[in-house]
All heavy atoms as atom14 arrays in JSON, in Angstrom:
{
  "sequence": "RLTYGEAWIALMTLFFSDQRVDVAVVEVGAGGRFDLTNILTPVLSVI",
  "atom14_mask": [
    [1, 1, 1, 1, 1, 1, 1, 1, 1, 1, 1, 0, 0, 0],
    [1, 1, 1, 1, 1, 1, 1, 1, 0, 0, 0, 0, 0, 0],
    [1, 1, 1, 1, 1, 1, 1, 0, 0, 0, 0, 0, 0, 0],
    [1, 1, 1, 1, 1, 1, 1, 1, 1, 1, 1, 1, 0, 0],
    [1, 1, 1, 1, 0, 0, 0, 0, 0, 0, 0, 0, 0, 0],
    [1, 1, 1, 1, 1, 1, 1, 1, 1, 0, 0, 0, 0, 0],
    [1, 1, 1, 1, 1, 0, 0, 0, 0, 0, 0, 0, 0, 0],
    [1, 1, 1, 1, 1, 1, 1, 1, 1, 1, 1, 1, 1, 1],
    [1, 1, 1, 1, 1, 1, 1, 1, 0, 0, 0, 0, 0, 0],
    [1, 1, 1, 1, 1, 0, 0, 0, 0, 0, 0, 0, 0, 0],
    [1, 1, 1, 1, 1, 1, 1, 1, 0, 0, 0, 0, 0, 0],
    [1, 1, 1, 1, 1, 1, 1, 1, 0, 0, 0, 0, 0, 0],
    [1, 1, 1, 1, 1, 1, 1, 0, 0, 0, 0, 0, 0, 0],
    [1, 1, 1, 1, 1, 1, 1, 1, 0, 0, 0, 0, 0, 0],
    [1, 1, 1, 1, 1, 1, 1, 1, 1, 1, 1, 0, 0, 0],
    [1, 1, 1, 1, 1, 1, 1, 1, 1, 1, 1, 0, 0, 0],
    [1, 1, 1, 1, 1, 1, 0, 0, 0, 0, 0, 0, 0, 0],
    [1, 1, 1, 1, 1, 1, 1, 1, 0, 0, 0, 0, 0, 0],
    [1, 1, 1, 1, 1, 1, 1, 1, 1, 0, 0, 0, 0, 0],
    [1, 1, 1, 1, 1, 1, 1, 1, 1, 1, 1, 0, 0, 0],
    [1, 1, 1, 1, 1, 1, 1, 0, 0, 0, 0, 0, 0, 0],
    [1, 1, 1, 1, 1, 1, 1, 1, 0, 0, 0, 0, 0, 0],
    [1, 1, 1, 1, 1, 1, 1, 0, 0, 0, 0, 0, 0, 0],
    [1, 1, 1, 1, 1, 0, 0, 0, 0, 0, 0, 0, 0, 0],
    [1, 1, 1, 1, 1, 1, 1, 0, 0, 0, 0, 0, 0, 0],
    [1, 1, 1, 1, 1, 1, 1, 0, 0, 0, 0, 0, 0, 0],
    [1, 1, 1, 1, 1, 1, 1, 1, 1, 0, 0, 0, 0, 0],
    [1, 1, 1, 1, 1, 1, 1, 0, 0, 0, 0, 0, 0, 0],
    [1, 1, 1, 1, 0, 0, 0, 0, 0, 0, 0, 0, 0, 0],
    [1, 1, 1, 1, 1, 0, 0, 0, 0, 0, 0, 0, 0, 0],
    [1, 1, 1, 1, 0, 0, 0, 0, 0, 0, 0, 0, 0, 0],
    [1, 1, 1, 1, 0, 0, 0, 0, 0, 0, 0, 0, 0, 0],
    [1, 1, 1, 1, 1, 1, 1, 1, 1, 1, 1, 0, 0, 0],
    [1, 1, 1, 1, 1, 1, 1, 1, 1, 1, 1, 0, 0, 0],
    [1, 1, 1, 1, 1, 1, 1, 1, 0, 0, 0, 0, 0, 0],
    [1, 1, 1, 1, 1, 1, 1, 1, 0, 0, 0, 0, 0, 0],
    [1, 1, 1, 1, 1, 1, 1, 0, 0, 0, 0, 0, 0, 0],
    [1, 1, 1, 1, 1, 1, 1, 1, 0, 0, 0, 0, 0, 0],
    [1, 1, 1, 1, 1, 1, 1, 1, 0, 0, 0, 0, 0, 0],
    [1, 1, 1, 1, 1, 1, 1, 1, 0, 0, 0, 0, 0, 0],
    [1, 1, 1, 1, 1, 1, 1, 0, 0, 0, 0, 0, 0, 0],
    [1, 1, 1, 1, 1, 1, 1, 0, 0, 0, 0, 0, 0, 0],
    [1, 1, 1, 1, 1, 1, 1, 0, 0, 0, 0, 0, 0, 0],
    [1, 1, 1, 1, 1, 1, 1, 1, 0, 0, 0, 0, 0, 0],
    [1, 1, 1, 1, 1, 1, 0, 0, 0, 0, 0, 0, 0, 0],
    [1, 1, 1, 1, 1, 1, 1, 0, 0, 0, 0, 0, 0, 0],
    [1, 1, 1, 1, 1, 1, 1, 1, 0, 0, 0, 0, 0, 0]
  ],
  "atom14_positions": [
    [[-7.4, -37.62, -5.62], [-6.19, -38.11, -6.26], [-5.06, -37.11, -6.08], [-5.27, -35.89, -6.15], [-6.45, -38.33, -7.75], [-5.27, -38.93, -8.51], [-5.55, -38.94, -10.0], [-6.79, -39.61, -10.32], [-6.93, -40.91, -10.48], [-5.87, -41.69, -10.32], [-8.09, -41.44, -10.78], [0.0, 0.0, 0.0], [0.0, 0.0, 0.0], [0.0, 0.0, 0.0]],
    [[-3.85, -37.58, -5.84], [-2.68, -36.72, -5.76], [-2.1, -36.49, -7.15], [-2.26, -37.33, -8.05], [-1.61, -37.34, -4.87], [-1.61, -36.93, -3.39], [-2.88, -37.4, -2.7], [-0.38, -37.48, -2.68], [0.0, 0.0, 0.0], [0.0, 0.0, 0.0], [0.0, 0.0, 0.0], [0.0, 0.0, 0.0], [0.0, 0.0, 0.0], [0.0, 0.0, 0.0]],
    [[-1.41, -35.39, -7.31], [-0.7, -35.13, -8.56], [0.62, -35.88, -8.54], [1.08, -36.38, -7.5], [-0.41, -33.63, -8.74], [0.44, -33.2, -7.65], [-1.7, -32.83, -8.72], [0.0, 0.0, 0.0], [0.0, 0.0, 0.0], [0.0, 0.0, 0.0], [0.0, 0.0, 0.0], [0.0, 0.0, 0.0], [0.0, 0.0, 0.0], [0.0, 0.0, 0.0]],
    [[1.27, -35.92, -9.69], [2.59, -36.55, -9.81], [3.58, -35.91, -8.85], [4.35, -36.6, -8.18], [3.08, -36.43, -11.25], [4.52, -36.85, -11.46], [4.85, -38.18, -11.65], [5.55, -35.9, -11.46], [6.17, -38.57, -11.84], [6.87, -36.28, -11.66], [7.18, -37.61, -11.84], [8.48, -37.99, -12.03], [0.0, 0.0, 0.0], [0.0, 0.0, 0.0]],
    [[3.58, -34.59, -8.79], [4.52, -33.89, -7.93], [4.36, -34.27, -6.47], [5.35, -34.49, -5.75], [0.0, 0.0, 0.0], [0.0, 0.0, 0.0], [0.0, 0.0, 0.0], [0.0, 0.0, 0.0], [0.0, 0.0, 0.0], [0.0, 0.0, 0.0], [0.0, 0.0, 0.0], [0.0, 0.0, 0.0], [0.0, 0.0, 0.0], [0.0, 0.0, 0.0]],
    [[3.11, -34.33, -6.0], [2.87, -34.72, -4.61], [3.33, -36.15, -4.36], [3.96, -36.45, -3.33], [1.38, -34.6, -4.3], [0.84, -33.18, -4.3], [-0.68, -33.19, -4.39], [-1.3, -33.36, -3.34], [-1.22, -33.02, -5.5], [0.0, 0.0, 0.0], [0.0, 0.0, 0.0], [0.0, 0.0, 0.0], [0.0, 0.0, 0.0], [0.0, 0.0, 0.0]],
    [[3.01, -37.04, -5.3], [3.4, -38.44, -5.13], [4.92, -38.57, -5.1], [5.47, -39.37, -4.32], [2.82, -39.28, -6.26], [0.0, 0.0, 0.0], [0.0, 0.0, 0.0], [0.0, 0.0, 0.0], [0.0, 0.0, 0.0], [0.0, 0.0, 0.0], [0.0, 0.0, 0.0], [0.0, 0.0, 0.0], [0.0, 0.0, 0.0], [0.0, 0.0, 0.0]],
    [[5.61, -37.78, -5.93], [7.07, -37.89, -5.97], [7.7, -37.43, -4.66], [8.62, -38.07, -4.15], [7.64, -37.1, -7.15], [9.12, -37.29, -7.19], [10.07, -36.5, -6.64], [9.8, -38.43, -7.73], [11.31, -37.06, -6.81], [11.17, -38.24, -7.47], [9.38, -39.59, -8.41], [12.14, -39.16, -7.88], [10.34, -40.5, -8.81], [11.69, -40.29, -8.55]],
    [[7.22, -36.33, -4.1], [7.77, -35.86, -2.82], [7.49, -36.88, -1.72], [8.34, -37.14, -0.85], [7.21, -34.48, -2.44], [7.62, -33.45, -3.5], [7.72, -34.05, -1.07], [9.11, -33.34, -3.74], [0.0, 0.0, 0.0], [0.0, 0.0, 0.0], [0.0, 0.0, 0.0], [0.0, 0.0, 0.0], [0.0, 0.0, 0.0], [0.0, 0.0, 0.0]],
    [[6.33, -37.49, -1.76], [6.03, -38.56, -0.8], [7.0, -39.72, -0.97], [7.5, -40.28, 0.02], [4.59, -39.03, -0.96], [0.0, 0.0, 0.0], [0.0, 0.0, 0.0], [0.0, 0.0, 0.0], [0.0, 0.0, 0.0], [0.0, 0.0, 0.0], [0.0, 0.0, 0.0], [0.0, 0.0, 0.0], [0.0, 0.0, 0.0], [0.0, 0.0, 0.0]],
    [[7.3, -40.08, -2.23], [8.25, -41.16, -2.49], [9.63, -40.81, -1.96], [10.33, -41.64, -1.37], [8.32, -41.44, -4.0], [9.31, -42.53, -4.44], [8.9, -43.89, -3.88], [9.42, -42.58, -5.96], [0.0, 0.0, 0.0], [0.0, 0.0, 0.0], [0.0, 0.0, 0.0], [0.0, 0.0, 0.0], [0.0, 0.0, 0.0], [0.0, 0.0, 0.0]],
    [[10.03, -39.55, -2.15], [11.32, -39.09, -1.63], [11.4, -39.3, -0.12], [12.41, -39.82, 0.39], [11.51, -37.62, -1.97], [12.76, -36.98, -1.37], [12.73, -35.17, -1.42], [11.58, -34.81, -0.06], [0.0, 0.0, 0.0], [0.0, 0.0, 0.0], [0.0, 0.0, 0.0], [0.0, 0.0, 0.0], [0.0, 0.0, 0.0], [0.0, 0.0, 0.0]],
    [[10.37, -38.89, 0.59], [10.4, -39.02, 2.05], [10.38, -40.48, 2.49], [11.03, -40.85, 3.48], [9.22, -38.27, 2.7], [7.98, -38.87, 2.3], [9.21, -36.8, 2.29], [0.0, 0.0, 0.0], [0.0, 0.0, 0.0], [0.0, 0.0, 0.0], [0.0, 0.0, 0.0], [0.0, 0.0, 0.0], [0.0, 0.0, 0.0], [0.0, 0.0, 0.0]],
    [[9.65, -41.32, 1.76], [9.65, -42.75, 2.06], [11.05, -43.34, 1.87], [11.5, -44.17, 2.66], [8.65, -43.48, 1.16], [7.17, -43.3, 1.48], [6.32, -43.91, 0.37], [6.82, -43.93, 2.83], [0.0, 0.0, 0.0], [0.0, 0.0, 0.0], [0.0, 0.0, 0.0], [0.0, 0.0, 0.0], [0.0, 0.0, 0.0], [0.0, 0.0, 0.0]],
    [[11.73, -42.91, 0.83], [13.08, -43.4, 0.55], [14.05, -43.01, 1.66], [14.81, -43.85, 2.17], [13.56, -42.86, -0.79], [14.99, -43.19, -1.11], [15.41, -44.5, -1.26], [15.93, -42.18, -1.29], [16.74, -44.81, -1.55], [17.25, -42.46, -1.59], [17.66, -43.78, -1.72], [0.0, 0.0, 0.0], [0.0, 0.0, 0.0], [0.0, 0.0, 0.0]],
    [[14.05, -41.74, 2.05], [14.97, -41.3, 3.1], [14.69, -42.02, 4.41], [15.61, -42.39, 5.14], [14.85, -39.78, 3.3], [15.39, -38.97, 2.15], [14.91, -37.69, 1.91], [16.36, -39.48, 1.31], [15.4, -36.94, 0.86], [16.86, -38.74, 0.25], [16.38, -37.46, 0.02], [0.0, 0.0, 0.0], [0.0, 0.0, 0.0], [0.0, 0.0, 0.0]],
    [[13.4, -42.22, 4.72], [13.04, -42.94, 5.94], [13.46, -44.4, 5.86], [14.02, -44.96, 6.8], [11.53, -42.83, 6.18], [11.14, -43.55, 7.32], [0.0, 0.0, 0.0], [0.0, 0.0, 0.0], [0.0, 0.0, 0.0], [0.0, 0.0, 0.0], [0.0, 0.0, 0.0], [0.0, 0.0, 0.0], [0.0, 0.0, 0.0], [0.0, 0.0, 0.0]],
    [[13.2, -45.02, 4.71], [13.55, -46.43, 4.5], [15.06, -46.65, 4.62], [15.5, -47.67, 5.16], [13.07, -46.86, 3.11], [13.43, -48.29, 2.76], [12.73, -49.2, 3.24], [14.42, -48.49, 2.02], [0.0, 0.0, 0.0], [0.0, 0.0, 0.0], [0.0, 0.0, 0.0], [0.0, 0.0, 0.0], [0.0, 0.0, 0.0], [0.0, 0.0, 0.0]],
    [[15.83, -45.69, 4.13], [17.29, -45.82, 4.14], [17.92, -45.35, 5.44], [19.14, -45.41, 5.58], [17.88, -45.04, 2.97], [17.48, -45.56, 1.61], [18.01, -46.96, 1.36], [19.22, -47.18, 1.4], [17.11, -47.9, 1.12], [0.0, 0.0, 0.0], [0.0, 0.0, 0.0], [0.0, 0.0, 0.0], [0.0, 0.0, 0.0], [0.0, 0.0, 0.0]],
    [[17.11, -44.87, 6.37], [17.59, -44.42, 7.68], [18.75, -43.43, 7.55], [19.83, -43.6, 8.15], [18.01, -45.62, 8.54], [16.88, -46.62, 8.8], [17.35, -47.77, 9.67], [16.3, -48.75, 9.87], [15.34, -48.68, 10.79], [15.31, -47.64, 11.61], [14.43, -49.63, 10.89], [0.0, 0.0, 0.0], [0.0, 0.0, 0.0], [0.0, 0.0, 0.0]],
    [[18.52, -42.4, 6.74], [19.57, -41.41, 6.54], [19.81, -40.62, 7.81], [18.91, -40.44, 8.64], [19.23, -40.45, 5.37], [19.07, -41.22, 4.07], [17.97, -39.63, 5.67], [0.0, 0.0, 0.0], [0.0, 0.0, 0.0], [0.0, 0.0, 0.0], [0.0, 0.0, 0.0], [0.0, 0.0, 0.0], [0.0, 0.0, 0.0], [0.0, 0.0, 0.0]],
    [[21.05, -40.15, 7.97], [21.37, -39.26, 9.08], [20.95, -37.83, 8.78], [20.65, -37.06, 9.7], [22.88, -39.28, 9.35], [23.39, -40.65, 9.75], [22.7, -41.34, 10.52], [24.48, -41.04, 9.28], [0.0, 0.0, 0.0], [0.0, 0.0, 0.0], [0.0, 0.0, 0.0], [0.0, 0.0, 0.0], [0.0, 0.0, 0.0], [0.0, 0.0, 0.0]],
    [[20.95, -37.48, 7.51], [20.62, -36.13, 7.07], [20.22, -36.21, 5.61], [20.67, -37.1, 4.88], [21.83, -35.17, 7.27], [23.05, -35.65, 6.51], [21.48, -33.74, 6.88], [0.0, 0.0, 0.0], [0.0, 0.0, 0.0], [0.0, 0.0, 0.0], [0.0, 0.0, 0.0], [0.0, 0.0, 0.0], [0.0, 0.0, 0.0], [0.0, 0.0, 0.0]],
    [[19.36, -35.29, 5.16], [18.94, -35.24, 3.77], [19.14, -33.83, 3.23], [18.88, -32.85, 3.93], [17.47, -35.65, 3.62], [0.0, 0.0, 0.0], [0.0, 0.0, 0.0], [0.0, 0.0, 0.0], [0.0, 0.0, 0.0], [0.0, 0.0, 0.0], [0.0, 0.0, 0.0], [0.0, 0.0, 0.0], [0.0, 0.0, 0.0], [0.0, 0.0, 0.0]],
    [[19.6, -33.75, 2.0], [19.73, -32.48, 1.29], [18.68, -32.49, 0.18], [18.66, -33.39, -0.66], [21.14, -32.3, 0.69], [21.25, -30.96, -0.03], [22.19, -32.41, 1.79], [0.0, 0.0, 0.0], [0.0, 0.0, 0.0], [0.0, 0.0, 0.0], [0.0, 0.0, 0.0], [0.0, 0.0, 0.0], [0.0, 0.0, 0.0], [0.0, 0.0, 0.0]],
    [[17.81, -31.49, 0.2], [16.67, -31.47, -0.72], [16.72, -30.21, -1.57], [16.69, -29.08, -1.05], [15.33, -31.53, 0.05], [14.15, -31.43, -0.91], [15.25, -32.82, 0.86], [0.0, 0.0, 0.0], [0.0, 0.0, 0.0], [0.0, 0.0, 0.0], [0.0, 0.0, 0.0], [0.0, 0.0, 0.0], [0.0, 0.0, 0.0], [0.0, 0.0, 0.0]],
    [[16.78, -30.4, -2.88], [16.75, -29.28, -3.82], [15.31, -28.89, -4.12], [14.46, -29.74, -4.36], [17.45, -29.67, -5.13], [17.42, -28.58, -6.19], [17.92, -29.04, -7.54], [18.34, -30.21, -7.67], [17.87, -28.23, -8.48], [0.0, 0.0, 0.0], [0.0, 0.0, 0.0], [0.0, 0.0, 0.0], [0.0, 0.0, 0.0], [0.0, 0.0, 0.0]],
    [[15.05, -27.6, -4.08], [13.73, -27.07, -4.46], [13.51, -27.33, -5.94], [14.44, -27.3, -6.74], [13.66, -25.56, -4.16], [12.37, -24.96, -4.71], [13.78, -25.31, -2.66], [0.0, 0.0, 0.0], [0.0, 0.0, 0.0], [0.0, 0.0, 0.0], [0.0, 0.0, 0.0], [0.0, 0.0, 0.0], [0.0, 0.0, 0.0], [0.0, 0.0, 0.0]],
    [[12.26, -27.59, -6.31], [11.95, -27.8, -7.72], [11.98, -26.49, -8.5], [12.9, -26.21, -9.27], [0.0, 0.0, 0.0], [0.0, 0.0, 0.0], [0.0, 0.0, 0.0], [0.0, 0.0, 0.0], [0.0, 0.0, 0.0], [0.0, 0.0, 0.0], [0.0, 0.0, 0.0], [0.0, 0.0, 0.0], [0.0, 0.0, 0.0], [0.0, 0.0, 0.0]],
    [[10.98, -25.65, -8.3], [10.92, -24.33, -8.94], [10.31, -23.35, -7.96], [9.41, -23.69, -7.2], [10.1, -24.38, -10.23], [0.0, 0.0, 0.0], [0.0, 0.0, 0.0], [0.0, 0.0, 0.0], [0.0, 0.0, 0.0], [0.0, 0.0, 0.0], [0.0, 0.0, 0.0], [0.0, 0.0, 0.0], [0.0, 0.0, 0.0], [0.0, 0.0, 0.0]],
    [[10.81, -22.13, -7.98], [10.28, -21.13, -7.05], [10.76, -21.44, -5.65], [11.95, -21.44, -5.37], [0.0, 0.0, 0.0], [0.0, 0.0, 0.0], [0.0, 0.0, 0.0], [0.0, 0.0, 0.0], [0.0, 0.0, 0.0], [0.0, 0.0, 0.0], [0.0, 0.0, 0.0], [0.0, 0.0, 0.0], [0.0, 0.0, 0.0], [0.0, 0.0, 0.0]],
    [[9.84, -21.72, -4.77], [10.2, -22.02, -3.38], [9.0, -21.92, -2.46], [8.61, -22.89, -1.82], [0.0, 0.0, 0.0], [0.0, 0.0, 0.0], [0.0, 0.0, 0.0], [0.0, 0.0, 0.0], [0.0, 0.0, 0.0], [0.0, 0.0, 0.0], [0.0, 0.0, 0.0], [0.0, 0.0, 0.0], [0.0, 0.0, 0.0], [0.0, 0.0, 0.0]],
    [[8.38, -20.77, -2.42], [7.28, -20.54, -1.49], [6.15, -21.55, -1.67], [5.59, -22.06, -0.68], [6.74, -19.11, -1.66], [5.78, -18.67, -0.58], [5.4, -17.22, -0.76], [6.54, -16.32, -0.64], [6.96, -15.79, 0.51], [6.34, -16.08, 1.64], [8.01, -14.98, 0.51], [0.0, 0.0, 0.0], [0.0, 0.0, 0.0], [0.0, 0.0, 0.0]],
    [[5.83, -21.87, -2.92], [4.74, -22.81, -3.19], [5.24, -24.1, -3.82], [4.44, -24.86, -4.38], [3.68, -22.13, -4.07], [3.15, -20.86, -3.48], [3.3, -19.66, -4.15], [2.54, -20.86, -2.24], [2.83, -18.48, -3.61], [2.08, -19.68, -1.68], [2.22, -18.48, -2.36], [0.0, 0.0, 0.0], [0.0, 0.0, 0.0], [0.0, 0.0, 0.0]],
    [[6.55, -24.32, -3.76], [7.08, -25.59, -4.23], [6.71, -26.67, -3.22], [6.69, -26.44, -2.0], [8.6, -25.5, -4.36], [9.2, -26.75, -4.96], [9.08, -26.92, -6.19], [9.77, -27.56, -4.21], [0.0, 0.0, 0.0], [0.0, 0.0, 0.0], [0.0, 0.0, 0.0], [0.0, 0.0, 0.0], [0.0, 0.0, 0.0], [0.0, 0.0, 0.0]],
    [[6.43, -27.87, -3.71], [5.97, -28.93, -2.82], [7.02, -29.33, -1.79], [6.66, -29.83, -0.71], [5.55, -30.15, -3.65], [4.24, -29.98, -4.43], [4.06, -31.1, -5.43], [3.06, -29.92, -3.48], [0.0, 0.0, 0.0], [0.0, 0.0, 0.0], [0.0, 0.0, 0.0], [0.0, 0.0, 0.0], [0.0, 0.0, 0.0], [0.0, 0.0, 0.0]],
    [[8.31, -29.11, -2.06], [9.31, -29.43, -1.04], [9.21, -28.5, 0.16], [9.79, -28.78, 1.21], [10.74, -29.32, -1.62], [11.0, -27.97, -2.02], [10.93, -30.26, -2.79], [0.0, 0.0, 0.0], [0.0, 0.0, 0.0], [0.0, 0.0, 0.0], [0.0, 0.0, 0.0], [0.0, 0.0, 0.0], [0.0, 0.0, 0.0], [0.0, 0.0, 0.0]],
    [[8.47, -27.4, 0.02], [8.42, -26.42, 1.1], [7.51, -26.84, 2.25], [7.32, -26.09, 3.21], [7.99, -25.05, 0.58], [8.54, -23.92, 1.42], [9.59, -24.06, 2.04], [7.84, -22.81, 1.46], [0.0, 0.0, 0.0], [0.0, 0.0, 0.0], [0.0, 0.0, 0.0], [0.0, 0.0, 0.0], [0.0, 0.0, 0.0], [0.0, 0.0, 0.0]],
    [[6.95, -28.05, 2.18], [6.21, -28.59, 3.33], [7.18, -29.14, 4.37], [6.78, -29.46, 5.49], [5.2, -29.67, 2.89], [5.88, -30.82, 2.13], [4.11, -29.07, 2.02], [6.34, -31.95, 2.96], [0.0, 0.0, 0.0], [0.0, 0.0, 0.0], [0.0, 0.0, 0.0], [0.0, 0.0, 0.0], [0.0, 0.0, 0.0], [0.0, 0.0, 0.0]],
    [[8.47, -29.24, 4.01], [9.47, -29.76, 4.92], [9.92, -28.69, 5.91], [9.94, -27.51, 5.59], [10.69, -30.26, 4.14], [10.41, -31.34, 3.08], [11.66, -31.58, 2.24], [9.95, -32.63, 3.74], [0.0, 0.0, 0.0], [0.0, 0.0, 0.0], [0.0, 0.0, 0.0], [0.0, 0.0, 0.0], [0.0, 0.0, 0.0], [0.0, 0.0, 0.0]],
    [[10.33, -29.11, 7.09], [10.92, -28.2, 8.07], [12.4, -28.53, 8.18], [12.78, -29.55, 8.77], [10.25, -28.35, 9.44], [8.86, -28.06, 9.32], [10.87, -27.4, 10.45], [0.0, 0.0, 0.0], [0.0, 0.0, 0.0], [0.0, 0.0, 0.0], [0.0, 0.0, 0.0], [0.0, 0.0, 0.0], [0.0, 0.0, 0.0], [0.0, 0.0, 0.0]],
    [[13.27, -27.7, 7.62], [14.7, -28.01, 7.59], [15.42, -27.51, 8.84], [14.84, -26.82, 9.68], [15.17, -27.25, 6.36], [14.3, -26.03, 6.34], [12.95, -26.47, 6.87], [0.0, 0.0, 0.0], [0.0, 0.0, 0.0], [0.0, 0.0, 0.0], [0.0, 0.0, 0.0], [0.0, 0.0, 0.0], [0.0, 0.0, 0.0], [0.0, 0.0, 0.0]],
    [[16.7, -27.84, 8.92], [17.56, -27.24, 9.94], [18.3, -26.03, 9.38], [18.86, -25.23, 10.12], [18.58, -28.26, 10.49], [17.87, -29.38, 11.21], [19.48, -28.81, 9.37], [0.0, 0.0, 0.0], [0.0, 0.0, 0.0], [0.0, 0.0, 0.0], [0.0, 0.0, 0.0], [0.0, 0.0, 0.0], [0.0, 0.0, 0.0], [0.0, 0.0, 0.0]],
    [[18.28, -25.9, 8.04], [18.94, -24.78, 7.38], [18.3, -24.57, 6.02], [18.06, -25.53, 5.28], [20.44, -25.05, 7.21], [21.28, -23.97, 6.52], [21.29, -22.69, 7.36], [22.71, -24.47, 6.31], [0.0, 0.0, 0.0], [0.0, 0.0, 0.0], [0.0, 0.0, 0.0], [0.0, 0.0, 0.0], [0.0, 0.0, 0.0], [0.0, 0.0, 0.0]],
    [[18.01, -23.3, 5.7], [17.47, -22.94, 4.38], [18.54, -22.17, 3.63], [19.19, -21.29, 4.18], [16.22, -22.07, 4.53], [15.23, -22.72, 5.29], [0.0, 0.0, 0.0], [0.0, 0.0, 0.0], [0.0, 0.0, 0.0], [0.0, 0.0, 0.0], [0.0, 0.0, 0.0], [0.0, 0.0, 0.0], [0.0, 0.0, 0.0], [0.0, 0.0, 0.0]],
    [[18.7, -22.48, 2.35], [19.77, -21.89, 1.54], [19.18, -21.38, 0.22], [18.43, -22.1, -0.44], [20.89, -22.92, 1.25], [22.02, -22.26, 0.45], [21.4, -23.54, 2.53], [0.0, 0.0, 0.0], [0.0, 0.0, 0.0], [0.0, 0.0, 0.0], [0.0, 0.0, 0.0], [0.0, 0.0, 0.0], [0.0, 0.0, 0.0], [0.0, 0.0, 0.0]],
    [[19.53, -20.15, -0.14], [19.12, -19.57, -1.42], [20.38, -19.24, -2.2], [21.2, -18.44, -1.76], [18.26, -18.31, -1.23], [17.03, -18.63, -0.38], [17.82, -17.74, -2.59], [16.19, -17.42, -0.03], [0.0, 0.0, 0.0], [0.0, 0.0, 0.0], [0.0, 0.0, 0.0], [0.0, 0.0, 0.0], [0.0, 0.0, 0.0], [0.0, 0.0, 0.0]]
  ]
}
């Protein structure tokens, strides 16, 4: 079973794909290194 956090990030990616976005801006939840959004490969990382 996935946790809520994993399911939510999956939902986010489904939404962006469904909406055929040109670009997505993703805010980190907490921390960063082990935040679930960190499975993404961005074009730019911002702290």
